Structures are given as C-alpha cells and as structure tokens.
Amino acid sequence: QLQASGGGLVQPGGSLRLSCTASGRTFGRAPVAWFRQSSEKEREFVAAISWSVASTSYADSVKGRFTISRDNTKNTVYLQMNSLKPEDTAVYYCAVGVTGRYYDTRENNWNGWGQGTLVTVSS
C-alpha cells in the first residue's frame, strides 16, 4: 500500500507539500495520482502524473495552484499545494494506476489506497 504524508493545518493562501511513498514496493512504470475526500463530498480526483513525468493531469479546481511531481530515484511522488483555500480541506490519498492511463480520473483505474493525510485550511 501507499503512504501519504505531509498534511497539516494551514491558513488560507498558504502552502503545503504532500509526499507519497510505496511500502515494500516501487511504483514501477505506473502513473500515480492524488485524490481527496472531504466530509461533504465523495472521493475526487486531484492530479496524476505519468511514469515518465512527461505528462500530468489536474482537476479544474486545482489547476494553477497544485503541482504534481515524482522522483523515481526516491520512489516518491509529491503534491505541491499553493494558494490553499478552505475548500481544499480534505483527506488526501495517493494511488497507483492499474493501467498506463494517467488521464483516467475514475477511481477504478487506481489502486493501492492506503491511509491518507489530512489537510485542513482554516484561519
């Protein structure tokens, strides 16, 4: 399973960087995605990155504010979150693609869900 970390409490307009690592495995050549779930919404796609890091995909709600990246030498995927808003408050999860379709935002295209990390944006 994957392990997400780096969450915390931040004021609106602030930044956080989340990390995703794989326990006892590597990501291989699979894409990796971030999803989030708040108390008011179902789990939703946030961002994804291909194995080659050449391609990324973002939800409209985070475009221009969030950046997904990966370091295959460290077997880690990051989510840099800037200009955070209260509506970004959620538990953030990472997942590995079942196929190579990094652009497929449907949950059934991803697995390896582990414990997420809570991000709270509040003043």
C-alpha atoms as a PDB file:
ATOM      1  CA  GLN A   1       0.000   0.000   0.000  1.00  0.00           C
ATOM      2  CA  LEU A   2       0.924   3.599  -0.419  1.00  0.00           C
ATOM      3  CA  GLN A   3       1.590   6.056   2.356  1.00  0.00           C
ATOM      4  CA  ALA A   4       0.656   9.719   2.078  1.00  0.00           C
ATOM      5  CA  SER A   5       2.232  12.264   4.422  1.00  0.00           C
ATOM      6  CA  GLY A   6       2.796  15.975   4.847  1.00  0.00           C
ATOM      7  CA  GLY A   7      -0.687  17.133   5.752  1.00  0.00           C
ATOM      8  CA  GLY A   8      -1.464  19.617   8.474  1.00  0.00           C
ATOM      9  CA  LEU A   9      -3.199  22.840   9.395  1.00  0.00           C
ATOM     10  CA  VAL A  10      -2.507  25.838   7.179  1.00  0.00           C
ATOM     11  CA  GLN A  11      -4.063  29.270   6.788  1.00  0.00           C
ATOM     12  CA  PRO A  12      -5.865  30.254   3.586  1.00  0.00           C
ATOM     13  CA  GLY A  13      -3.321  31.310   0.995  1.00  0.00           C
ATOM     14  CA  GLY A  14      -0.670  29.097   2.493  1.00  0.00           C
ATOM     15  CA  SER A  15       1.237  26.139   1.064  1.00  0.00           C
ATOM     16  CA  LEU A  16       1.883  22.505   1.864  1.00  0.00           C
ATOM     17  CA  ARG A  17       3.783  19.723   0.135  1.00  0.00           C
ATOM     18  CA  LEU A  18       2.454  16.202   0.344  1.00  0.00           C
ATOM     19  CA  SER A  19       4.556  13.099  -0.252  1.00  0.00           C
ATOM     20  CA  CYS A  20       3.550   9.624  -1.359  1.00  0.00           C
ATOM     21  CA  THR A  21       5.766   6.583  -0.897  1.00  0.00           C
ATOM     22  CA  ALA A  22       5.276   2.890  -1.515  1.00  0.00           C
ATOM     23  CA  SER A  23       5.893   0.495   1.335  1.00  0.00           C
ATOM     24  CA  GLY A  24       7.940  -2.506   0.297  1.00  0.00           C
ATOM     25  CA  ARG A  25       7.489  -1.903  -3.399  1.00  0.00           C
ATOM     26  CA  THR A  26       8.203   0.535  -6.162  1.00  0.00           C
ATOM     27  CA  PHE A  27       5.829   2.390  -8.394  1.00  0.00           C
ATOM     28  CA  GLY A  28       7.365   0.653 -11.388  1.00  0.00           C
ATOM     29  CA  ARG A  29       6.260   2.222 -14.631  1.00  0.00           C
ATOM     30  CA  ALA A  30       2.798   3.053 -13.340  1.00  0.00           C
ATOM     31  CA  PRO A  31       1.264   6.503 -13.167  1.00  0.00           C
ATOM     32  CA  VAL A  32       0.458   7.862  -9.713  1.00  0.00           C
ATOM     33  CA  ALA A  33      -2.465  10.040  -8.705  1.00  0.00           C
ATOM     34  CA  TRP A  34      -3.701  12.099  -5.810  1.00  0.00           C
ATOM     35  CA  PHE A  35      -7.334  12.021  -4.754  1.00  0.00           C
ATOM     36  CA  ARG A  36      -9.069  13.740  -1.856  1.00  0.00           C
ATOM     37  CA  GLN A  37     -12.197  13.245   0.199  1.00  0.00           C
ATOM     38  CA  SER A  38     -13.899  15.774   2.430  1.00  0.00           C
ATOM     39  CA  SER A  39     -16.725  15.224   4.871  1.00  0.00           C
ATOM     40  CA  GLU A  40     -19.156  16.722   2.363  1.00  0.00           C
ATOM     41  CA  LYS A  41     -18.024  15.096  -0.874  1.00  0.00           C
ATOM     42  CA  GLU A  42     -17.173  11.724  -2.300  1.00  0.00           C
ATOM     43  CA  ARG A  43     -13.554  10.996  -3.106  1.00  0.00           C
ATOM     44  CA  GLU A  44     -12.478  13.084  -6.069  1.00  0.00           C
ATOM     45  CA  PHE A  45      -9.538  13.163  -8.439  1.00  0.00           C
ATOM     46  CA  VAL A  46      -6.956  15.882  -7.840  1.00  0.00           C
ATOM     47  CA  ALA A  47      -3.912  15.230 -10.039  1.00  0.00           C
ATOM     48  CA  ALA A  48      -1.958  12.472 -11.765  1.00  0.00           C
ATOM     49  CA  ILE A  49       1.458  12.024 -13.314  1.00  0.00           C
ATOM     50  CA  SER A  50       2.769   9.538 -15.836  1.00  0.00           C
ATOM     51  CA  TRP A  51       5.787   7.313 -15.126  1.00  0.00           C
ATOM     52  CA  SER A  52       7.988   9.328 -17.458  1.00  0.00           C
ATOM     53  CA  VAL A  53       6.896  12.563 -15.704  1.00  0.00           C
ATOM     54  CA  ALA A  54       6.287  13.971 -19.143  1.00  0.00           C
ATOM     55  CA  SER A  55       2.538  14.124 -18.674  1.00  0.00           C
ATOM     56  CA  THR A  56       0.291  15.402 -15.920  1.00  0.00           C
ATOM     57  CA  SER A  57      -3.414  15.879 -15.388  1.00  0.00           C
ATOM     58  CA  TYR A  58      -5.242  18.138 -12.928  1.00  0.00           C
ATOM     59  CA  ALA A  59      -8.770  18.718 -11.728  1.00  0.00           C
ATOM     60  CA  ASP A  60     -10.062  22.107 -12.801  1.00  0.00           C
ATOM     61  CA  SER A  61     -10.430  23.140  -9.177  1.00  0.00           C
ATOM     62  CA  VAL A  62      -6.666  22.919  -8.530  1.00  0.00           C
ATOM     63  CA  LYS A  63      -5.158  23.927 -11.874  1.00  0.00           C
ATOM     64  CA  GLY A  64      -2.622  26.685 -11.476  1.00  0.00           C
ATOM     65  CA  ARG A  65      -2.351  26.119  -7.711  1.00  0.00           C
ATOM     66  CA  PHE A  66      -1.212  22.500  -7.321  1.00  0.00           C
ATOM     67  CA  THR A  67       1.759  20.804  -8.947  1.00  0.00           C
ATOM     68  CA  ILE A  68       2.344  17.065  -9.036  1.00  0.00           C
ATOM     69  CA  SER A  69       5.853  15.711  -9.487  1.00  0.00           C
ATOM     70  CA  ARG A  70       7.745  12.494  -8.924  1.00  0.00           C
ATOM     71  CA  ASP A  71      11.290  11.388  -8.230  1.00  0.00           C
ATOM     72  CA  ASN A  72      11.608   7.837  -9.477  1.00  0.00           C
ATOM     73  CA  THR A  73      15.054   7.505  -7.894  1.00  0.00           C
ATOM     74  CA  LYS A  74      13.452   8.100  -4.499  1.00  0.00           C
ATOM     75  CA  ASN A  75      10.254   6.238  -5.328  1.00  0.00           C
ATOM     76  CA  THR A  76       8.280   9.268  -4.176  1.00  0.00           C
ATOM     77  CA  VAL A  77       5.516  11.384  -5.663  1.00  0.00           C
ATOM     78  CA  TYR A  78       4.840  14.903  -4.432  1.00  0.00           C
ATOM     79  CA  LEU A  79       1.898  17.275  -4.484  1.00  0.00           C
ATOM     80  CA  GLN A  80       2.878  20.904  -4.016  1.00  0.00           C
ATOM     81  CA  MET A  81      -0.196  22.852  -2.959  1.00  0.00           C
ATOM     82  CA  ASN A  82      -0.108  26.640  -3.102  1.00  0.00           C
ATOM     83  CA  SER A  83      -2.762  29.316  -2.569  1.00  0.00           C
ATOM     84  CA  LEU A  84      -4.755  26.911  -0.455  1.00  0.00           C
ATOM     85  CA  LYS A  85      -8.443  27.550   0.102  1.00  0.00           C
ATOM     86  CA  PRO A  86     -10.803  26.319   2.820  1.00  0.00           C
ATOM     87  CA  GLU A  87     -12.491  24.133   0.214  1.00  0.00           C
ATOM     88  CA  ASP A  88      -9.213  22.236  -0.212  1.00  0.00           C
ATOM     89  CA  THR A  89      -9.736  20.808   3.272  1.00  0.00           C
ATOM     90  CA  ALA A  90      -9.868  17.026   2.912  1.00  0.00           C
ATOM     91  CA  VAL A  91      -8.043  13.777   3.479  1.00  0.00           C
ATOM     92  CA  TYR A  92      -5.612  13.331   0.604  1.00  0.00           C
ATOM     93  CA  TYR A  93      -4.790   9.883  -0.761  1.00  0.00           C
ATOM     94  CA  CYS A  94      -2.355   8.661  -3.366  1.00  0.00           C
ATOM     95  CA  ALA A  95      -2.858   5.674  -5.625  1.00  0.00           C
ATOM     96  CA  VAL A  96      -1.109   3.754  -8.388  1.00  0.00           C
ATOM     97  CA  GLY A  97      -2.589   3.378 -11.826  1.00  0.00           C
ATOM     98  CA  VAL A  98      -3.959   0.000 -12.840  1.00  0.00           C
ATOM     99  CA  THR A  99      -3.286   0.932 -16.442  1.00  0.00           C
ATOM    100  CA  GLY A 100      -0.977   3.491 -18.004  1.00  0.00           C
ATOM    101  CA  ARG A 101      -3.833   5.930 -18.476  1.00  0.00           C
ATOM    102  CA  TYR A 102      -2.737   8.737 -16.160  1.00  0.00           C
ATOM    103  CA  TYR A 103      -5.606  10.832 -17.571  1.00  0.00           C
ATOM    104  CA  ASP A 104      -8.301   8.370 -16.440  1.00  0.00           C
ATOM    105  CA  THR A 105      -9.803  10.010 -13.358  1.00  0.00           C
ATOM    106  CA  ARG A 106     -12.173   7.176 -12.463  1.00  0.00           C
ATOM    107  CA  GLU A 107     -11.411   5.541  -9.130  1.00  0.00           C
ATOM    108  CA  ASN A 108     -11.442   2.040 -10.579  1.00  0.00           C
ATOM    109  CA  ASN A 109      -8.374   2.948 -12.646  1.00  0.00           C
ATOM    110  CA  TRP A 110      -6.355   3.301  -9.436  1.00  0.00           C
ATOM    111  CA  ASN A 111      -5.442   1.085  -6.512  1.00  0.00           C
ATOM    112  CA  GLY A 112      -3.036   0.791  -3.598  1.00  0.00           C
ATOM    113  CA  TRP A 113      -5.048   3.166  -1.469  1.00  0.00           C
ATOM    114  CA  GLY A 114      -3.544   3.485   1.960  1.00  0.00           C
ATOM    115  CA  GLN A 115      -4.024   5.825   4.850  1.00  0.00           C
ATOM    116  CA  GLY A 116      -4.399   9.362   3.668  1.00  0.00           C
ATOM    117  CA  THR A 117      -3.118  12.567   5.170  1.00  0.00           C
ATOM    118  CA  LEU A 118      -5.413  15.288   6.483  1.00  0.00           C
ATOM    119  CA  VAL A 119      -5.113  18.800   5.107  1.00  0.00           C
ATOM    120  CA  THR A 120      -7.030  21.490   6.961  1.00  0.00           C
ATOM    121  CA  VAL A 121      -7.172  25.009   5.553  1.00  0.00           C
ATOM    122  CA  SER A 122      -8.543  27.387   8.135  1.00  0.00           C
ATOM    123  CA  SER A 123      -7.800  30.712   9.778  1.00  0.00           C
END
